[in-house]
Amino acid sequence: MRKGKIDASLFLLGAILLALGGGVFVTVYALHADPIEGSLAGDRVINTLFVFEGNDKPLGTYVLMYYPGTRRAAIFDIPGEVGLILQKINRVDRIDTVYDPQRIATFENEIERLLGIDIGFTFVLDTSGLGKVVDLVEGVDIFIPSPVEIYSEAAPILFPSGITRLDGDKARTYVTYELPEENHEIVTFRRQRFFLGFIKRLGEQNEILKHEFITQFYQNLIKTGMNQRIRTRLFDEYAGIDMERVNIQSVGGNIREISGKTLLFPYYDGNLIKEIVRQTLGGLTRQSEGAFTDRVFTVEVLNGTATVGLAGRTAELIRGFGYDVISIGNADRSDYGETIIIDRSGNENMVKTFGNIIRCTNIRFEAAQSDNFEEINLQNLEYRSDFILIIGNDFKGRYVDG
């Protein structure tokens, strides 16, 4: 009898161990099969590479980092002219040299090395597919600071100022047009703002994109290693992002000419951008912000000097401190002697904090928004910036002199 009881106990123990082992196997397999669930279960940041493609080359390359635990996200813009020692070709060249529409993995690996992260998902849209997706989500809202009126032999390019909803055709034009006299930083900035609007709209229209017919059509427009189920699950997560708190940061560096090509070499041999990414990831996963305000203040940056590209470089600096630069451009003249900050927020402490970034104490306070409903321009109300920074000749690239 005793031997029988022992055999039964051993059998029961074996069955329990087998069940536990099977459960572990099923869990591990499920996490491996569904990388989204793996990221959520592992309490990790989800990193996704987005590429807007034109003529088989990137028009815009963005890495979206999202932490589900706090619903916070950050975006890094990877310029095509970033100069690196590329592993595949074993020489220094532009990062977009290794871009192949049929084999995105090599390009993705170089971006991982640049930022010091692992990219879990990739999402590529050419200009034709981009236009169709924009139409599927019924347009993308963009703030255009100044009207665009360009009359060419091919077709006119017309965009009104203020908040404008772009349909598919307009969206394609918006991300592809470049003017001969236009600063490259302004082109880059325009595409960044479109990407923000595009991601926001995908989140707003996420449920529409789940309809069976639309889902199949939508899936055929993108180049991705994600199947339909994983893509839907991913955008279920991204739909929760608070886009009003998301900034885009660009990889900064020094411009050099190498073998007839213009290359942007990241600062400090690429160590600075890796450190910025680490700090950004720490901010995304931080549960409490202590005494810091939860609001992101918005800034317009205007170049009041003759130095080309100064507004774009300064905007990059300001974004690094967590401010949302909603527009860059030229001031009404190019001979400002002193840098000026115009405060519209009505928060004296916050504008002084903003001024401390560049050591600017020349602050002017604009009158509060009119209470007269008829005087309010509703089209531009939502995008009225908190601060306007007019760069003067006393600004030396990092601080105001004196």
Protein backbone atom coordinates (compact mmCIF):
# COMPACT_ATOMS: atom_id res chain seq x y z
CA MET A 1 0.00 0.00 0.00
CA ARG A 2 2.74 2.37 0.96
CA LYS A 3 4.51 1.75 -2.32
CA GLY A 4 1.28 2.48 -4.16
CA LYS A 5 0.85 5.77 -2.30
CA ILE A 6 4.43 6.78 -3.13
CA ASP A 7 3.89 5.96 -6.81
CA ALA A 8 0.68 8.01 -6.82
CA SER A 9 2.42 10.95 -5.13
CA LEU A 10 5.26 10.83 -7.63
CA PHE A 11 2.77 10.70 -10.48
CA LEU A 12 0.90 13.71 -9.08
CA LEU A 13 4.15 15.64 -8.58
CA GLY A 14 5.21 14.83 -12.12
CA ALA A 15 1.86 16.03 -13.46
CA ILE A 16 2.18 19.31 -11.55
CA LEU A 17 5.73 19.90 -12.83
CA LEU A 18 4.61 19.07 -16.36
CA ALA A 19 1.71 21.52 -16.09
CA LEU A 20 3.99 24.24 -14.73
CA GLY A 21 6.54 23.57 -17.45
CA GLY A 22 3.82 23.67 -20.08
CA GLY A 23 2.53 26.95 -18.69
CA VAL A 24 5.99 28.50 -18.78
CA PHE A 25 6.49 27.24 -22.33
CA VAL A 26 3.15 28.67 -23.47
CA THR A 27 3.93 32.02 -21.83
CA VAL A 28 7.41 32.24 -23.35
CA TYR A 29 6.07 31.19 -26.74
CA ALA A 30 3.25 33.73 -26.57
CA LEU A 31 5.64 36.56 -25.69
CA HIS A 32 7.96 35.50 -28.50
CA ALA A 33 5.10 35.22 -30.97
CA ASP A 34 3.63 38.57 -29.95
CA PRO A 35 6.44 41.12 -29.42
CA ILE A 36 3.95 43.76 -28.29
CA GLU A 37 2.85 41.58 -25.38
CA GLY A 38 6.51 40.85 -24.71
CA SER A 39 7.28 44.55 -24.43
CA LEU A 40 4.29 45.19 -22.19
CA ALA A 41 5.03 42.23 -19.95
CA GLY A 42 8.70 43.22 -19.76
CA ASP A 43 7.90 46.81 -18.79
CA ARG A 44 10.01 48.12 -21.67
CA VAL A 45 10.00 51.10 -24.02
CA ILE A 46 8.59 50.22 -27.46
CA ASN A 47 10.78 51.62 -30.24
CA THR A 48 9.36 51.93 -33.76
CA LEU A 49 11.12 53.17 -36.89
CA PHE A 50 9.00 55.21 -39.32
CA VAL A 51 10.27 56.09 -42.80
CA PHE A 52 8.60 58.38 -45.33
CA GLU A 53 10.10 57.26 -48.61
CA GLY A 54 10.48 59.14 -51.89
CA ASN A 55 12.25 57.82 -55.00
CA ASP A 56 13.53 54.85 -52.98
CA LYS A 57 15.25 57.14 -50.45
CA PRO A 58 14.10 58.40 -47.04
CA LEU A 59 12.37 61.80 -47.07
CA GLY A 60 12.00 61.59 -43.30
CA THR A 61 13.24 59.01 -40.79
CA TYR A 62 11.83 59.01 -37.26
CA VAL A 63 12.18 56.75 -34.25
CA LEU A 64 9.14 56.81 -31.95
CA MET A 65 9.91 55.71 -28.38
CA TYR A 66 6.88 54.92 -26.24
CA TYR A 67 6.58 53.68 -22.64
CA PRO A 68 3.14 52.18 -21.94
CA GLY A 69 3.53 52.54 -18.17
CA THR A 70 3.38 56.35 -18.32
CA ARG A 71 1.81 56.81 -21.79
CA ARG A 72 4.74 59.10 -22.65
CA ALA A 73 6.55 59.17 -25.96
CA ALA A 74 9.50 60.88 -27.63
CA ILE A 75 10.61 61.10 -31.26
CA PHE A 76 14.08 61.34 -32.79
CA ASP A 77 14.60 62.60 -36.34
CA ILE A 78 17.49 60.88 -38.15
CA PRO A 79 18.73 63.10 -41.02
CA GLY A 80 19.80 61.20 -44.11
CA GLU A 81 23.11 63.08 -44.17
CA VAL A 82 24.28 61.74 -40.79
CA GLY A 83 27.87 60.59 -41.32
CA LEU A 84 29.00 57.27 -39.84
CA ILE A 85 31.43 54.45 -40.43
CA LEU A 86 28.86 52.18 -42.01
CA GLN A 87 29.42 48.52 -41.17
CA LYS A 88 28.06 47.07 -44.40
CA ILE A 89 30.35 49.05 -46.71
CA ASN A 90 33.15 49.63 -44.15
CA ARG A 91 33.63 53.31 -44.91
CA VAL A 92 32.45 56.74 -43.79
CA ASP A 93 29.35 57.82 -45.69
CA ARG A 94 25.80 59.13 -45.29
CA ILE A 95 23.56 56.84 -43.31
CA ASP A 96 20.98 56.78 -46.12
CA THR A 97 23.60 55.26 -48.45
CA VAL A 98 22.70 51.81 -47.08
CA TYR A 99 18.96 52.37 -47.43
CA ASP A 100 17.38 49.66 -49.59
CA PRO A 101 13.56 49.64 -49.93
CA GLN A 102 13.61 45.85 -50.20
CA ARG A 103 15.98 45.26 -47.27
CA ILE A 104 15.35 47.83 -44.54
CA ALA A 105 17.21 45.80 -41.87
CA THR A 106 20.67 47.20 -42.73
CA PHE A 107 19.44 50.80 -42.43
CA GLU A 108 17.62 49.91 -39.22
CA ASN A 109 20.80 48.38 -37.73
CA GLU A 110 22.80 51.56 -38.39
CA ILE A 111 20.14 53.64 -36.62
CA GLU A 112 20.26 51.25 -33.66
CA ARG A 113 24.03 51.74 -33.46
CA LEU A 114 23.66 55.51 -33.73
CA LEU A 115 21.08 55.83 -30.94
CA GLY A 116 22.21 52.92 -28.77
CA ILE A 117 18.78 51.23 -28.71
CA ASP A 118 16.99 48.21 -30.15
CA ILE A 119 14.22 48.87 -32.68
CA GLY A 120 11.33 46.47 -32.38
CA PHE A 121 9.13 47.51 -35.32
CA THR A 122 9.46 49.25 -38.68
CA PHE A 123 6.81 51.10 -40.67
CA VAL A 124 7.62 52.42 -44.19
CA LEU A 125 5.36 54.48 -46.45
CA ASP A 126 6.23 55.78 -49.89
CA THR A 127 4.62 59.02 -51.03
CA SER A 128 1.83 57.24 -52.89
CA GLY A 129 0.94 55.07 -49.92
CA LEU A 130 1.23 58.05 -47.58
CA GLY A 131 -1.39 59.96 -49.54
CA LYS A 132 -3.79 57.02 -49.48
CA VAL A 133 -3.36 56.50 -45.72
CA VAL A 134 -3.99 60.20 -45.12
CA ASP A 135 -7.23 59.90 -47.07
CA LEU A 136 -8.18 56.81 -45.03
CA VAL A 137 -7.89 58.80 -41.79
CA GLU A 138 -9.80 61.70 -43.40
CA GLY A 139 -6.90 64.13 -43.48
CA VAL A 140 -4.11 65.38 -41.22
CA ASP A 141 -4.25 68.69 -39.35
CA ILE A 142 -1.17 70.89 -39.73
CA PHE A 143 -0.37 74.37 -38.45
CA ILE A 144 1.11 76.51 -41.23
CA PRO A 145 2.55 79.77 -39.82
CA SER A 146 2.62 81.67 -43.15
CA PRO A 147 0.62 81.16 -46.35
CA VAL A 148 2.39 79.34 -49.21
CA GLU A 149 1.68 80.49 -52.76
CA ILE A 150 3.96 79.01 -55.41
CA TYR A 151 2.98 79.09 -59.07
CA SER A 152 5.04 76.73 -61.22
CA GLU A 153 4.69 75.17 -64.65
CA ALA A 154 3.85 71.75 -63.15
CA ALA A 155 1.18 72.72 -60.62
CA PRO A 156 0.62 75.51 -58.11
CA ILE A 157 1.51 74.86 -54.46
CA LEU A 158 -1.01 76.62 -52.26
CA PHE A 159 -1.39 76.32 -48.49
CA PRO A 160 -3.31 78.83 -46.34
CA SER A 161 -1.92 79.91 -42.97
CA GLY A 162 -3.31 78.60 -39.70
CA ILE A 163 -4.68 75.14 -38.94
CA THR A 164 -5.17 73.32 -42.24
CA ARG A 165 -6.44 69.80 -42.83
CA LEU A 166 -4.43 68.20 -45.63
CA ASP A 167 -5.98 65.50 -47.79
CA GLY A 168 -3.82 62.83 -49.43
CA ASP A 169 -2.73 64.89 -52.44
CA LYS A 170 -1.95 67.94 -50.31
CA ALA A 171 -0.03 65.77 -47.83
CA ARG A 172 2.20 64.39 -50.58
CA THR A 173 2.91 67.89 -51.81
CA TYR A 174 3.56 69.18 -48.29
CA VAL A 175 6.25 66.60 -47.47
CA THR A 176 7.98 66.69 -50.86
CA TYR A 177 8.14 70.32 -52.00
CA GLU A 178 11.34 72.31 -51.51
CA LEU A 179 12.08 75.84 -52.66
CA PRO A 180 15.48 76.84 -54.11
CA GLU A 181 15.82 79.69 -51.61
CA GLU A 182 14.51 77.65 -48.68
CA ASN A 183 16.74 76.78 -45.74
CA HIS A 184 17.20 73.02 -45.29
CA GLU A 185 16.31 73.31 -41.59
CA ILE A 186 12.90 74.72 -42.52
CA VAL A 187 12.22 71.80 -44.90
CA THR A 188 13.20 69.37 -42.15
CA PHE A 189 11.04 71.19 -39.63
CA ARG A 190 8.03 71.14 -41.98
CA ARG A 191 8.32 67.35 -42.35
CA GLN A 192 8.70 66.91 -38.60
CA ARG A 193 5.48 68.82 -37.94
CA PHE A 194 3.68 66.71 -40.52
CA PHE A 195 4.92 63.51 -38.89
CA LEU A 196 3.59 64.66 -35.52
CA GLY A 197 0.22 65.45 -37.08
CA PHE A 198 0.21 62.13 -38.92
CA ILE A 199 0.87 60.04 -35.79
CA LYS A 200 -1.72 62.02 -33.86
CA ARG A 201 -4.31 61.39 -36.58
CA LEU A 202 -3.57 57.66 -36.70
CA GLY A 203 -4.31 57.55 -32.98
CA GLU A 204 -7.53 59.54 -33.35
CA GLN A 205 -8.78 57.34 -36.20
CA ASN A 206 -7.44 54.05 -34.86
CA GLU A 207 -10.88 52.43 -34.56
CA ILE A 208 -11.75 53.27 -38.18
CA LEU A 209 -8.55 51.57 -39.34
CA LYS A 210 -9.75 48.33 -37.69
CA HIS A 211 -12.72 47.90 -40.04
CA GLU A 212 -12.16 44.72 -42.04
CA PHE A 213 -12.08 46.25 -45.53
CA ILE A 214 -10.01 49.26 -44.45
CA THR A 215 -7.59 47.08 -42.48
CA GLN A 216 -6.79 44.94 -45.52
CA PHE A 217 -6.38 47.98 -47.76
CA TYR A 218 -4.29 49.80 -45.15
CA GLN A 219 -1.98 46.82 -44.59
CA ASN A 220 -1.18 46.68 -48.31
CA LEU A 221 -0.04 50.31 -48.32
CA ILE A 222 2.79 49.88 -45.82
CA LYS A 223 6.10 48.06 -45.91
CA THR A 224 6.59 46.33 -42.61
CA GLY A 225 7.62 43.10 -40.96
CA MET A 226 4.50 43.37 -38.79
CA ASN A 227 1.50 41.25 -39.59
CA GLN A 228 -1.96 42.76 -39.47
CA ARG A 229 -2.66 41.62 -35.89
CA ILE A 230 0.60 43.00 -34.46
CA ARG A 231 0.21 46.28 -36.33
CA THR A 232 -3.30 46.70 -34.95
CA ARG A 233 -2.10 45.85 -31.44
CA LEU A 234 0.79 48.31 -31.72
CA PHE A 235 -1.44 51.18 -32.77
CA ASP A 236 -3.90 50.33 -30.01
CA GLU A 237 -1.04 51.21 -27.69
CA TYR A 238 0.05 54.29 -29.64
CA ALA A 239 -3.53 55.60 -29.62
CA GLY A 240 -3.03 56.38 -25.93
CA ILE A 241 -0.07 58.72 -26.44
CA ASP A 242 -0.58 62.29 -25.25
CA MET A 243 0.67 63.94 -28.44
CA GLU A 244 0.54 67.41 -26.88
CA ARG A 245 3.52 66.39 -24.76
CA VAL A 246 5.63 64.86 -27.54
CA ASN A 247 8.66 66.66 -28.97
CA ILE A 248 10.87 65.77 -31.92
CA GLN A 249 14.61 65.95 -31.38
CA SER A 250 17.07 65.86 -34.25
CA VAL A 251 20.51 64.30 -34.33
CA GLY A 252 22.86 67.29 -34.20
CA GLY A 253 26.44 67.56 -35.36
CA ASN A 254 29.10 69.28 -37.42
CA ILE A 255 28.75 69.66 -41.20
CA ARG A 256 31.72 68.53 -43.31
CA GLU A 257 32.34 67.88 -46.97
CA ILE A 258 33.73 64.39 -47.65
CA SER A 259 34.39 63.21 -51.22
CA GLY A 260 31.96 65.77 -52.59
CA LYS A 261 29.19 64.81 -50.14
CA THR A 262 27.75 66.86 -47.30
CA LEU A 263 27.87 64.83 -44.09
CA LEU A 264 26.58 65.62 -40.60
CA PHE A 265 28.94 64.11 -38.03
CA PRO A 266 27.22 63.66 -34.64
CA TYR A 267 28.75 65.66 -31.81
CA TYR A 268 31.49 64.01 -29.72
CA ASP A 269 31.81 60.99 -31.99
CA GLY A 270 28.14 60.12 -31.48
CA ASN A 271 28.37 59.92 -27.69
CA LEU A 272 26.19 63.00 -27.15
CA ILE A 273 23.15 61.65 -29.02
CA LYS A 274 23.40 58.35 -27.12
CA GLU A 275 23.45 60.29 -23.83
CA ILE A 276 20.43 62.37 -24.91
CA VAL A 277 18.57 59.16 -25.78
CA ARG A 278 19.40 57.65 -22.38
CA GLN A 279 18.15 60.78 -20.61
CA THR A 280 15.00 60.78 -22.75
CA LEU A 281 14.27 57.15 -21.95
CA GLY A 282 14.72 57.92 -18.26
CA GLY A 283 12.18 60.73 -18.57
CA LEU A 284 9.67 58.47 -20.31
CA THR A 285 9.79 55.82 -17.62
CA ARG A 286 9.82 58.21 -14.64
CA GLN A 287 6.51 57.83 -12.79
CA SER A 288 6.66 61.11 -10.88
CA GLU A 289 7.94 64.47 -12.06
CA GLY A 290 8.10 66.03 -8.59
CA ALA A 291 7.92 69.81 -8.66
CA PHE A 292 8.22 70.07 -12.44
CA THR A 293 5.18 71.15 -14.40
CA ASP A 294 3.46 68.51 -16.47
CA ARG A 295 2.79 70.96 -19.27
CA VAL A 296 4.97 71.39 -22.35
CA PHE A 297 5.47 75.08 -23.23
CA THR A 298 5.49 76.04 -26.89
CA VAL A 299 7.99 78.30 -28.66
CA GLU A 300 8.35 80.11 -31.98
CA VAL A 301 11.98 80.70 -33.00
CA LEU A 302 12.74 83.59 -35.37
CA ASN A 303 16.17 84.41 -36.76
CA GLY A 304 16.83 88.15 -36.43
CA THR A 305 20.38 87.89 -37.79
CA ALA A 306 22.05 87.30 -41.15
CA THR A 307 23.43 83.92 -40.00
CA VAL A 308 21.79 81.24 -42.14
CA GLY A 309 20.34 78.27 -40.26
CA LEU A 310 20.61 79.83 -36.79
CA ALA A 311 16.90 79.40 -36.04
CA GLY A 312 17.02 75.68 -36.83
CA ARG A 313 20.09 75.05 -34.67
CA THR A 314 18.62 77.04 -31.80
CA ALA A 315 15.32 75.15 -32.09
CA GLU A 316 17.27 71.90 -31.77
CA LEU A 317 18.87 73.21 -28.57
CA ILE A 318 15.54 74.29 -27.09
CA ARG A 319 13.85 70.97 -27.86
CA GLY A 320 16.60 69.24 -25.90
CA PHE A 321 15.30 71.04 -22.80
CA GLY A 322 11.76 69.74 -23.31
CA TYR A 323 10.09 72.68 -25.09
CA ASP A 324 7.87 72.22 -28.15
CA VAL A 325 9.10 74.41 -31.01
CA ILE A 326 6.02 74.86 -33.18
CA SER A 327 7.62 77.03 -35.88
CA ILE A 328 10.96 78.42 -37.05
CA GLY A 329 11.61 81.17 -39.56
CA ASN A 330 13.08 84.60 -40.15
CA ALA A 331 12.20 87.69 -38.15
CA ASP A 332 10.90 90.86 -39.77
CA ARG A 333 14.50 92.04 -40.18
CA SER A 334 18.02 90.60 -39.91
CA ASP A 335 19.77 93.27 -37.83
CA TYR A 336 18.48 92.64 -34.30
CA GLY A 337 21.28 93.62 -31.96
CA GLU A 338 19.76 91.96 -28.90
CA THR A 339 17.97 88.66 -28.43
CA ILE A 340 14.37 89.11 -27.27
CA ILE A 341 11.89 86.76 -25.62
CA ILE A 342 8.22 87.70 -25.95
CA ASP A 343 6.06 86.06 -23.29
CA ARG A 344 2.45 85.19 -24.09
CA SER A 345 1.96 82.63 -21.32
CA GLY A 346 1.43 85.06 -18.47
CA ASN A 347 3.67 82.88 -16.29
CA GLU A 348 6.60 85.09 -15.28
CA ASN A 349 8.50 82.32 -13.50
CA MET A 350 8.31 79.96 -16.48
CA VAL A 351 9.47 82.54 -19.02
CA LYS A 352 12.44 83.36 -16.78
CA THR A 353 13.24 79.66 -16.60
CA PHE A 354 13.06 79.52 -20.38
CA GLY A 355 15.34 82.56 -20.65
CA ASN A 356 17.91 80.92 -18.38
CA ILE A 357 18.53 78.25 -21.02
CA ILE A 358 20.33 80.79 -23.20
CA ARG A 359 20.99 83.37 -20.43
CA CYS A 360 18.57 85.87 -21.92
CA THR A 361 17.00 88.41 -19.56
CA ASN A 362 15.58 90.65 -22.28
CA ILE A 363 11.94 89.64 -21.81
CA ARG A 364 8.88 91.50 -23.03
CA PHE A 365 5.40 90.65 -21.88
CA GLU A 366 2.63 90.62 -24.46
CA ALA A 367 -0.90 91.61 -23.44
CA ALA A 368 -3.19 88.73 -22.51
CA GLN A 369 -5.52 87.22 -25.09
CA SER A 370 -8.52 89.42 -25.79
CA ASP A 371 -11.74 88.51 -23.99
CA ASN A 372 -13.72 89.82 -26.93
CA PHE A 373 -14.90 86.74 -28.83
CA GLU A 374 -15.12 88.64 -32.11
CA GLU A 375 -11.45 89.64 -31.87
CA ILE A 376 -10.21 86.08 -31.40
CA ASN A 377 -8.97 84.31 -34.51
CA LEU A 378 -10.34 80.83 -33.82
CA GLN A 379 -8.29 79.31 -36.60
CA ASN A 380 -5.01 80.18 -34.89
CA LEU A 381 -6.09 80.08 -31.26
CA GLU A 382 -4.98 76.52 -30.51
CA TYR A 383 -1.46 77.10 -31.84
CA ARG A 384 -0.73 80.42 -30.17
CA SER A 385 2.79 79.85 -28.75
CA ASP A 386 3.73 80.56 -25.14
CA PHE A 387 7.03 82.24 -26.05
CA ILE A 388 8.49 83.91 -29.13
CA LEU A 389 12.29 83.90 -29.30
CA ILE A 390 13.82 86.47 -31.65
CA ILE A 391 17.53 85.73 -32.02
CA GLY A 392 19.80 88.77 -32.10
CA ASN A 393 23.48 89.30 -32.90
CA ASP A 394 24.36 88.94 -29.22
CA PHE A 395 23.49 85.23 -29.35
CA LYS A 396 26.65 83.15 -29.82
CA GLY A 397 25.11 79.79 -30.61
CA ARG A 398 24.61 78.66 -27.01
CA TYR A 399 24.26 81.73 -24.78
CA VAL A 400 23.49 85.42 -25.12
CA ASP A 401 26.75 87.35 -24.80
CA GLY A 402 26.65 89.64 -21.76
